[in-house]
Amino acid sequence: MNNQIAIILALLIVGLFVVDHFWLHMDLPLLVGKEFNRLVDYVVFWR
């Protein structure tokens, strides 16, 4: 992965959050946070 691809992916992710905030109203940041918390709990279990 080079810098150009990383920047494009970052812009797409930020764009998705912006679209969610203004049009979709699906609370994606909250969903991502909850799923990340579940992932951390899963990884800690296997530690």
PDB file of N, CA and C in Angstrom:
ATOM      1  N   MET A   1       0.848  -1.163   0.000  1.00  0.00           N
ATOM      2  CA  MET A   1       0.000   0.000   0.000  1.00  0.00           C
ATOM      3  C   MET A   1       0.901   1.236   0.000  1.00  0.00           C
ATOM      4  N   ASN A   2       0.644   2.112  -0.922  1.00  0.00           N
ATOM      5  CA  ASN A   2       1.423   3.345  -0.960  1.00  0.00           C
ATOM      6  C   ASN A   2       0.617   4.494  -0.350  1.00  0.00           C
ATOM      7  N   ASN A   3       1.221   5.666  -0.306  1.00  0.00           N
ATOM      8  CA  ASN A   3       0.573   6.811   0.337  1.00  0.00           C
ATOM      9  C   ASN A   3      -0.704   7.232  -0.371  1.00  0.00           C
ATOM     10  N   GLN A   4      -0.730   7.148  -1.681  1.00  0.00           N
ATOM     11  CA  GLN A   4      -1.910   7.568  -2.435  1.00  0.00           C
ATOM     12  C   GLN A   4      -3.110   6.677  -2.104  1.00  0.00           C
ATOM     13  N   ILE A   5      -2.890   5.397  -2.027  1.00  0.00           N
ATOM     14  CA  ILE A   5      -3.988   4.482  -1.701  1.00  0.00           C
ATOM     15  C   ILE A   5      -4.455   4.708  -0.261  1.00  0.00           C
ATOM     16  N   ALA A   6      -3.526   4.933   0.656  1.00  0.00           N
ATOM     17  CA  ALA A   6      -3.883   5.178   2.054  1.00  0.00           C
ATOM     18  C   ALA A   6      -4.707   6.448   2.197  1.00  0.00           C
ATOM     19  N   ILE A   7      -4.350   7.484   1.486  1.00  0.00           N
ATOM     20  CA  ILE A   7      -5.098   8.747   1.549  1.00  0.00           C
ATOM     21  C   ILE A   7      -6.491   8.562   0.970  1.00  0.00           C
ATOM     22  N   ILE A   8      -6.600   7.858  -0.138  1.00  0.00           N
ATOM     23  CA  ILE A   8      -7.913   7.617  -0.752  1.00  0.00           C
ATOM     24  C   ILE A   8      -8.805   6.806   0.183  1.00  0.00           C
ATOM     25  N   LEU A   9      -8.254   5.762   0.806  1.00  0.00           N
ATOM     26  CA  LEU A   9      -9.045   4.968   1.744  1.00  0.00           C
ATOM     27  C   LEU A   9      -9.480   5.800   2.948  1.00  0.00           C
ATOM     28  N   ALA A  10      -8.592   6.631   3.468  1.00  0.00           N
ATOM     29  CA  ALA A  10      -8.949   7.491   4.595  1.00  0.00           C
ATOM     30  C   ALA A  10     -10.063   8.466   4.210  1.00  0.00           C
ATOM     31  N   LEU A  11      -9.977   9.041   3.023  1.00  0.00           N
ATOM     32  CA  LEU A  11     -11.024   9.961   2.569  1.00  0.00           C
ATOM     33  C   LEU A  11     -12.359   9.239   2.375  1.00  0.00           C
ATOM     34  N   LEU A  12     -12.325   8.013   1.877  1.00  0.00           N
ATOM     35  CA  LEU A  12     -13.561   7.243   1.731  1.00  0.00           C
ATOM     36  C   LEU A  12     -14.205   6.931   3.074  1.00  0.00           C
ATOM     37  N   ILE A  13     -13.396   6.592   4.055  1.00  0.00           N
ATOM     38  CA  ILE A  13     -13.940   6.288   5.378  1.00  0.00           C
ATOM     39  C   ILE A  13     -14.520   7.541   6.017  1.00  0.00           C
ATOM     40  N   VAL A  14     -13.798   8.652   5.942  1.00  0.00           N
ATOM     41  CA  VAL A  14     -14.316   9.909   6.491  1.00  0.00           C
ATOM     42  C   VAL A  14     -15.571  10.327   5.740  1.00  0.00           C
ATOM     43  N   GLY A  15     -15.585  10.146   4.421  1.00  0.00           N
ATOM     44  CA  GLY A  15     -16.766  10.468   3.631  1.00  0.00           C
ATOM     45  C   GLY A  15     -17.967   9.629   4.036  1.00  0.00           C
ATOM     46  N   LEU A  16     -17.740   8.364   4.339  1.00  0.00           N
ATOM     47  CA  LEU A  16     -18.834   7.512   4.793  1.00  0.00           C
ATOM     48  C   LEU A  16     -19.420   8.019   6.099  1.00  0.00           C
ATOM     49  N   PHE A  17     -18.554   8.443   7.030  1.00  0.00           N
ATOM     50  CA  PHE A  17     -19.049   8.985   8.293  1.00  0.00           C
ATOM     51  C   PHE A  17     -19.802  10.302   8.083  1.00  0.00           C
ATOM     52  N   VAL A  18     -19.348  11.117   7.158  1.00  0.00           N
ATOM     53  CA  VAL A  18     -20.041  12.383   6.875  1.00  0.00           C
ATOM     54  C   VAL A  18     -21.416  12.104   6.264  1.00  0.00           C
ATOM     55  N   VAL A  19     -21.472  11.185   5.314  1.00  0.00           N
ATOM     56  CA  VAL A  19     -22.758  10.820   4.702  1.00  0.00           C
ATOM     57  C   VAL A  19     -23.697  10.251   5.758  1.00  0.00           C
ATOM     58  N   ASP A  20     -23.173   9.424   6.654  1.00  0.00           N
ATOM     59  CA  ASP A  20     -24.003   8.874   7.721  1.00  0.00           C
ATOM     60  C   ASP A  20     -24.539   9.976   8.620  1.00  0.00           C
ATOM     61  N   HIS A  21     -23.706  10.941   8.934  1.00  0.00           N
ATOM     62  CA  HIS A  21     -24.142  12.010   9.827  1.00  0.00           C
ATOM     63  C   HIS A  21     -25.253  12.867   9.215  1.00  0.00           C
ATOM     64  N   PHE A  22     -25.136  13.184   7.941  1.00  0.00           N
ATOM     65  CA  PHE A  22     -26.085  14.111   7.335  1.00  0.00           C
ATOM     66  C   PHE A  22     -27.286  13.438   6.683  1.00  0.00           C
ATOM     67  N   TRP A  23     -27.134  12.204   6.179  1.00  0.00           N
ATOM     68  CA  TRP A  23     -28.234  11.599   5.437  1.00  0.00           C
ATOM     69  C   TRP A  23     -28.738  10.271   5.991  1.00  0.00           C
ATOM     70  N   LEU A  24     -27.861   9.396   6.390  1.00  0.00           N
ATOM     71  CA  LEU A  24     -28.281   8.046   6.745  1.00  0.00           C
ATOM     72  C   LEU A  24     -28.781   7.926   8.186  1.00  0.00           C
ATOM     73  N   HIS A  25     -28.195   8.648   9.108  1.00  0.00           N
ATOM     74  CA  HIS A  25     -28.574   8.637  10.529  1.00  0.00           C
ATOM     75  C   HIS A  25     -28.572   7.226  11.106  1.00  0.00           C
ATOM     76  N   MET A  26     -27.511   6.473  10.804  1.00  0.00           N
ATOM     77  CA  MET A  26     -27.392   5.109  11.318  1.00  0.00           C
ATOM     78  C   MET A  26     -26.447   5.037  12.513  1.00  0.00           C
ATOM     79  N   ASP A  27     -25.897   6.151  12.973  1.00  0.00           N
ATOM     80  CA  ASP A  27     -24.958   6.212  14.106  1.00  0.00           C
ATOM     81  C   ASP A  27     -23.776   5.271  13.892  1.00  0.00           C
ATOM     82  N   LEU A  28     -23.120   5.385  12.748  1.00  0.00           N
ATOM     83  CA  LEU A  28     -21.990   4.521  12.442  1.00  0.00           C
ATOM     84  C   LEU A  28     -20.822   4.651  13.431  1.00  0.00           C
ATOM     85  N   PRO A  29     -20.474   5.851  13.913  1.00  0.00           N
ATOM     86  CA  PRO A  29     -19.367   5.901  14.889  1.00  0.00           C
ATOM     87  C   PRO A  29     -19.681   5.106  16.157  1.00  0.00           C
ATOM     88  N   LEU A  30     -20.923   5.145  16.602  1.00  0.00           N
ATOM     89  CA  LEU A  30     -21.310   4.378  17.781  1.00  0.00           C
ATOM     90  C   LEU A  30     -21.246   2.882  17.491  1.00  0.00           C
ATOM     91  N   LEU A  31     -21.707   2.479  16.331  1.00  0.00           N
ATOM     92  CA  LEU A  31     -21.654   1.077  15.938  1.00  0.00           C
ATOM     93  C   LEU A  31     -20.215   0.584  15.831  1.00  0.00           C
ATOM     94  N   VAL A  32     -19.358   1.381  15.228  1.00  0.00           N
ATOM     95  CA  VAL A  32     -17.948   1.003  15.095  1.00  0.00           C
ATOM     96  C   VAL A  32     -17.303   0.906  16.474  1.00  0.00           C
ATOM     97  N   GLY A  33     -17.618   1.817  17.358  1.00  0.00           N
ATOM     98  CA  GLY A  33     -17.072   1.772  18.711  1.00  0.00           C
ATOM     99  C   GLY A  33     -17.507   0.525  19.472  1.00  0.00           C
ATOM    100  N   LYS A  34     -18.780   0.166  19.354  1.00  0.00           N
ATOM    101  CA  LYS A  34     -19.276  -1.041  20.026  1.00  0.00           C
ATOM    102  C   LYS A  34     -18.622  -2.292  19.468  1.00  0.00           C
ATOM    103  N   GLU A  35     -18.488  -2.368  18.151  1.00  0.00           N
ATOM    104  CA  GLU A  35     -17.861  -3.538  17.548  1.00  0.00           C
ATOM    105  C   GLU A  35     -16.374  -3.620  17.908  1.00  0.00           C
ATOM    106  N   PHE A  36     -15.711  -2.482  17.989  1.00  0.00           N
ATOM    107  CA  PHE A  36     -14.307  -2.471  18.397  1.00  0.00           C
ATOM    108  C   PHE A  36     -14.174  -2.943  19.838  1.00  0.00           C
ATOM    109  N   ASN A  37     -15.110  -2.541  20.679  1.00  0.00           N
ATOM    110  CA  ASN A  37     -15.101  -2.985  22.067  1.00  0.00           C
ATOM    111  C   ASN A  37     -15.293  -4.501  22.142  1.00  0.00           C
ATOM    112  N   ARG A  38     -16.188  -5.047  21.329  1.00  0.00           N
ATOM    113  CA  ARG A  38     -16.375  -6.497  21.295  1.00  0.00           C
ATOM    114  C   ARG A  38     -15.117  -7.196  20.811  1.00  0.00           C
ATOM    115  N   LEU A  39     -14.427  -6.627  19.834  1.00  0.00           N
ATOM    116  CA  LEU A  39     -13.184  -7.210  19.339  1.00  0.00           C
ATOM    117  C   LEU A  39     -12.115  -7.213  20.420  1.00  0.00           C
ATOM    118  N   VAL A  40     -11.997  -6.115  21.159  1.00  0.00           N
ATOM    119  CA  VAL A  40     -11.007  -6.037  22.235  1.00  0.00           C
ATOM    120  C   VAL A  40     -11.330  -7.071  23.306  1.00  0.00           C
ATOM    121  N   ASP A  41     -12.605  -7.205  23.673  1.00  0.00           N
ATOM    122  CA  ASP A  41     -12.982  -8.215  24.655  1.00  0.00           C
ATOM    123  C   ASP A  41     -12.657  -9.619  24.172  1.00  0.00           C
ATOM    124  N   TYR A  42     -12.859  -9.875  22.907  1.00  0.00           N
ATOM    125  CA  TYR A  42     -12.555 -11.190  22.329  1.00  0.00           C
ATOM    126  C   TYR A  42     -11.050 -11.459  22.357  1.00  0.00           C
ATOM    127  N   VAL A  43     -10.256 -10.463  21.998  1.00  0.00           N
ATOM    128  CA  VAL A  43      -8.811 -10.633  21.981  1.00  0.00           C
ATOM    129  C   VAL A  43      -8.280 -10.806  23.394  1.00  0.00           C
ATOM    130  N   VAL A  44      -8.825 -10.069  24.366  1.00  0.00           N
ATOM    131  CA  VAL A  44      -8.381 -10.183  25.752  1.00  0.00           C
ATOM    132  C   VAL A  44      -8.711 -11.576  26.275  1.00  0.00           C
ATOM    133  N   PHE A  45      -9.824 -12.134  25.863  1.00  0.00           N
ATOM    134  CA  PHE A  45     -10.206 -13.481  26.297  1.00  0.00           C
ATOM    135  C   PHE A  45      -9.155 -14.493  25.869  1.00  0.00           C
ATOM    136  N   TRP A  46      -8.606 -14.357  24.683  1.00  0.00           N
ATOM    137  CA  TRP A  46      -7.640 -15.327  24.167  1.00  0.00           C
ATOM    138  C   TRP A  46      -6.208 -15.027  24.608  1.00  0.00           C
ATOM    139  N   ARG A  47      -6.034 -14.006  25.383  1.00  0.00           N
ATOM    140  CA  ARG A  47      -4.683 -13.638  25.815  1.00  0.00           C
ATOM    141  C   ARG A  47      -4.099 -14.636  26.772  1.00  0.00           C
TER     142      ARG A  47
END
